[in-house]
């Protein structure tokens, strides 16, 4: 069971996130914190796997709390979940050790995917705040733009326009049936194309593909 700690000064958001997360049988919300100080204390007591951290909070803001948590408990993953798309907030959070940064505008499926991916050690950056210059030198050896070419460990891999369209729909949370309806192709064809994409990019499954896209497709 993946243990999640929610840190947000708004009670309604804490309760909403808790409800969403606990609908997933693989996750458990172990506690909620109303400020950065409480989040740090609960990390010491409960050792959660992932902390969902807001930025604007009293008694240590999210970036300050992240720095203290990561310095004391480096194995705990911190995923910033905030309304702020300010470049300074993003860069400061990453510099202080945040494992990911997403906006509160994300959908339910994207939130769950981001938590799981952060737990697995993948850095998740919301596409609306991703700027290559901000994350230059950050983790990851891949770079992908919407120009049909991916470079993985120095090897160029071509993706077709159709493949990129399907990747985008996967990121949006659409299943094979919805993708087939949108593109007017058979559901089996969609499945085969996804298998081909996963093979091309040396990934293991659909989840890793979505994570890869969120992390590397700045054009989406």
Protein backbone atom coordinates (compact mmCIF):
# COMPACT_ATOMS: atom_id res chain seq x y z
CA UNK A 1 0.00 0.00 0.00
CA UNK A 2 1.40 3.36 -1.08
CA UNK A 3 1.24 5.80 1.85
CA UNK A 4 0.37 9.41 1.01
CA UNK A 5 0.53 12.53 3.17
CA UNK A 6 -1.46 15.57 2.01
CA UNK A 7 -0.19 19.04 2.95
CA UNK A 8 -2.51 21.92 2.03
CA UNK A 9 -3.86 24.82 4.06
CA UNK A 10 -7.32 24.56 2.48
CA UNK A 11 -9.46 21.97 4.25
CA UNK A 12 -11.76 21.44 1.25
CA UNK A 13 -8.82 20.58 -1.01
CA UNK A 14 -7.30 18.26 1.58
CA UNK A 15 -10.57 16.37 1.86
CA UNK A 16 -11.08 16.31 -1.91
CA UNK A 17 -7.61 14.92 -2.55
CA UNK A 18 -8.11 12.34 0.21
CA UNK A 19 -11.39 11.16 -1.32
CA UNK A 20 -9.85 10.87 -4.79
CA UNK A 21 -6.74 9.05 -3.61
CA UNK A 22 -8.52 6.55 -1.36
CA UNK A 23 -10.73 5.42 -4.24
CA UNK A 24 -7.56 3.77 -5.53
CA UNK A 25 -7.05 0.44 -3.79
CA UNK A 26 -3.26 0.74 -3.99
CA UNK A 27 -3.07 3.97 -1.97
CA UNK A 28 -3.79 5.11 1.56
CA UNK A 29 -3.82 8.66 2.94
CA UNK A 30 -2.04 8.32 6.28
CA UNK A 31 -2.56 11.95 7.38
CA UNK A 32 -3.30 15.50 6.31
CA UNK A 33 -1.33 18.60 7.28
CA UNK A 34 -2.60 22.20 7.29
CA UNK A 35 0.84 23.83 7.14
CA UNK A 36 4.49 23.13 6.38
CA UNK A 37 5.52 22.64 10.01
CA UNK A 38 2.83 20.01 10.54
CA UNK A 39 3.87 18.26 7.32
CA UNK A 40 7.46 17.97 8.57
CA UNK A 41 6.32 16.61 11.94
CA UNK A 42 4.01 14.05 10.33
CA UNK A 43 6.81 12.89 8.02
CA UNK A 44 8.96 12.20 11.07
CA UNK A 45 6.16 10.25 12.72
CA UNK A 46 4.56 8.37 9.81
CA UNK A 47 7.28 8.11 7.11
CA UNK A 48 4.90 8.41 4.13
CA UNK A 49 6.00 7.29 0.68
CA UNK A 50 4.79 10.45 -1.09
CA UNK A 51 3.88 13.91 0.19
CA UNK A 52 1.48 16.05 -1.82
CA UNK A 53 2.77 19.53 -1.00
CA UNK A 54 1.06 22.85 -1.63
CA UNK A 55 3.32 25.91 -1.94
CA UNK A 56 1.37 28.70 -0.23
CA UNK A 57 1.08 27.57 3.39
CA UNK A 58 1.78 29.11 6.81
CA UNK A 59 4.52 27.93 9.19
CA UNK A 60 6.97 27.00 6.41
CA UNK A 61 5.73 27.29 2.85
CA UNK A 62 5.84 24.29 0.55
CA UNK A 63 9.33 24.89 -0.83
CA UNK A 64 10.80 25.40 2.65
CA UNK A 65 9.05 22.30 4.00
CA UNK A 66 10.24 20.30 0.98
CA UNK A 67 13.85 21.26 1.63
CA UNK A 68 13.64 20.22 5.28
CA UNK A 69 11.83 16.96 4.54
CA UNK A 70 14.26 15.95 1.77
CA UNK A 71 17.28 16.80 3.94
CA UNK A 72 16.02 14.67 6.84
CA UNK A 73 14.17 11.93 4.95
CA UNK A 74 15.59 11.67 1.41
CA UNK A 75 13.61 8.50 0.67
CA UNK A 76 10.29 10.36 1.02
CA UNK A 77 9.07 11.65 -2.33
CA UNK A 78 7.61 15.16 -2.49
CA UNK A 79 5.16 16.05 -5.24
CA UNK A 80 4.25 19.74 -5.40
CA UNK A 81 0.53 20.20 -6.12
CA UNK A 82 -0.23 23.89 -6.41
CA UNK A 83 -2.11 26.61 -8.25
CA UNK A 84 1.11 28.50 -8.91
CA UNK A 85 2.69 28.33 -12.35
CA UNK A 86 5.22 31.03 -11.41
CA UNK A 87 8.65 30.18 -12.80
CA UNK A 88 10.38 31.17 -9.56
CA UNK A 89 8.16 28.84 -7.52
CA UNK A 90 8.84 25.99 -9.93
CA UNK A 91 12.62 26.42 -9.99
CA UNK A 92 12.82 26.94 -6.21
CA UNK A 93 10.78 23.80 -5.54
CA UNK A 94 12.99 21.69 -7.81
CA UNK A 95 16.17 23.19 -6.31
CA UNK A 96 14.89 22.31 -2.84
CA UNK A 97 14.48 18.67 -3.81
CA UNK A 98 10.88 18.33 -5.02
CA UNK A 99 10.42 15.15 -7.03
CA UNK A 100 7.66 16.61 -9.18
CA UNK A 101 5.54 19.70 -9.80
CA UNK A 102 1.94 19.63 -11.03
CA UNK A 103 -0.91 22.14 -11.03
CA UNK A 104 -4.23 21.74 -9.25
CA UNK A 105 -5.94 21.86 -12.63
CA UNK A 106 -4.96 18.22 -13.29
CA UNK A 107 -7.67 15.60 -13.64
CA UNK A 108 -8.28 12.72 -11.27
CA UNK A 109 -6.46 10.12 -13.40
CA UNK A 110 -3.48 12.41 -13.97
CA UNK A 111 -3.20 13.05 -10.22
CA UNK A 112 -3.17 9.33 -9.44
CA UNK A 113 -0.67 8.68 -12.24
CA UNK A 114 1.57 11.49 -10.99
CA UNK A 115 1.59 10.11 -7.44
CA UNK A 116 2.45 6.59 -8.58
CA UNK A 117 5.12 7.85 -10.97
CA UNK A 118 6.71 10.05 -8.32
CA UNK A 119 6.80 7.07 -5.96
CA UNK A 120 8.60 5.06 -8.67
CA UNK A 121 11.29 7.73 -8.89
CA UNK A 122 10.18 9.54 -12.06
CA UNK A 123 10.23 13.33 -12.01
CA UNK A 124 6.84 14.66 -13.11
CA UNK A 125 6.59 18.24 -14.35
CA UNK A 126 3.23 19.62 -15.49
CA UNK A 127 3.32 20.52 -19.17
CA UNK A 128 2.00 24.04 -18.48
CA UNK A 129 5.00 24.92 -16.31
CA UNK A 130 7.68 22.95 -18.13
CA UNK A 131 10.44 25.16 -19.56
CA UNK A 132 13.60 23.44 -20.83
CA UNK A 133 15.84 26.23 -19.53
CA UNK A 134 14.38 25.90 -16.04
CA UNK A 135 15.11 22.17 -15.85
CA UNK A 136 18.43 22.11 -17.71
CA UNK A 137 20.61 19.54 -16.03
CA UNK A 138 17.75 17.91 -14.14
CA UNK A 139 17.31 14.15 -14.10
CA UNK A 140 16.61 12.25 -17.29
CA UNK A 141 18.55 11.53 -20.45
CA UNK A 142 15.76 12.00 -22.97
CA UNK A 143 14.45 14.94 -24.91
CA UNK A 144 11.30 14.91 -27.00
CA UNK A 145 9.56 17.71 -28.89
CA UNK A 146 6.58 17.52 -31.17
CA UNK A 147 8.72 17.04 -34.27
CA UNK A 148 8.38 13.27 -34.58
CA UNK A 149 11.81 12.47 -33.18
CA UNK A 150 12.89 11.22 -29.78
CA UNK A 151 16.49 10.96 -28.70
CA UNK A 152 17.13 8.25 -26.14
CA UNK A 153 20.70 7.72 -24.97
CA UNK A 154 21.99 9.24 -28.19
CA UNK A 155 19.78 7.18 -30.51
CA UNK A 156 17.20 8.97 -32.68
CA UNK A 157 13.78 7.30 -32.74
CA UNK A 158 11.06 8.43 -35.14
CA UNK A 159 7.39 8.56 -34.21
CA UNK A 160 4.60 9.10 -36.72
CA UNK A 161 1.97 11.83 -36.40
CA UNK A 162 -0.60 9.13 -35.62
CA UNK A 163 1.60 7.74 -32.86
CA UNK A 164 2.04 11.20 -31.34
CA UNK A 165 -1.72 11.76 -31.47
CA UNK A 166 -2.30 8.53 -29.57
CA UNK A 167 0.36 9.38 -26.98
CA UNK A 168 -1.37 12.70 -26.38
CA UNK A 169 -4.73 10.99 -25.85
CA UNK A 170 -3.14 8.56 -23.39
CA UNK A 171 -1.81 11.54 -21.42
CA UNK A 172 -5.34 12.97 -21.42
CA UNK A 173 -6.53 9.76 -19.79
CA UNK A 174 -8.45 8.28 -22.72
CA UNK A 175 -8.78 4.50 -22.97
CA UNK A 176 -8.40 2.45 -26.16
CA UNK A 177 -12.11 2.63 -26.95
CA UNK A 178 -12.16 6.43 -26.70
CA UNK A 179 -8.99 6.73 -28.79
CA UNK A 180 -10.39 4.47 -31.51
CA UNK A 181 -13.59 6.55 -31.64
CA UNK A 182 -11.64 9.80 -31.88
CA UNK A 183 -9.37 8.56 -34.66
CA UNK A 184 -11.98 6.41 -36.45
CA UNK A 185 -9.82 3.27 -36.30
CA UNK A 186 -10.39 -0.16 -34.80
CA UNK A 187 -9.75 -0.64 -31.09
CA UNK A 188 -7.39 -3.50 -31.93
CA UNK A 189 -5.39 -1.16 -34.17
CA UNK A 190 -5.05 1.31 -31.30
CA UNK A 191 -3.75 -1.47 -29.07
CA UNK A 192 -1.20 -2.53 -31.70
CA UNK A 193 0.01 1.04 -32.22
CA UNK A 194 0.44 1.57 -28.47
CA UNK A 195 2.43 -1.67 -28.26
CA UNK A 196 4.65 -0.42 -31.08
CA UNK A 197 5.23 2.95 -29.38
CA UNK A 198 6.10 1.30 -26.07
CA UNK A 199 8.57 -0.97 -27.88
CA UNK A 200 10.14 1.92 -29.79
CA UNK A 201 10.71 3.96 -26.64
CA UNK A 202 12.01 0.97 -24.63
CA UNK A 203 9.27 1.32 -22.03
CA UNK A 204 7.38 -1.37 -20.14
CA UNK A 205 3.72 -0.37 -20.22
CA UNK A 206 1.09 2.29 -20.83
CA UNK A 207 1.74 3.96 -17.47
CA UNK A 208 5.42 4.44 -18.24
CA UNK A 209 4.45 5.84 -21.65
CA UNK A 210 2.17 8.45 -20.08
CA UNK A 211 4.87 9.37 -17.57
CA UNK A 212 7.46 9.65 -20.34
CA UNK A 213 5.15 11.95 -22.30
CA UNK A 214 4.40 14.20 -19.32
CA UNK A 215 8.09 14.45 -18.58
CA UNK A 216 9.48 14.92 -22.06
CA UNK A 217 6.82 16.26 -24.44
CA UNK A 218 6.99 20.00 -23.93
CA UNK A 219 4.84 20.50 -27.01
CA UNK A 220 1.81 18.79 -25.44
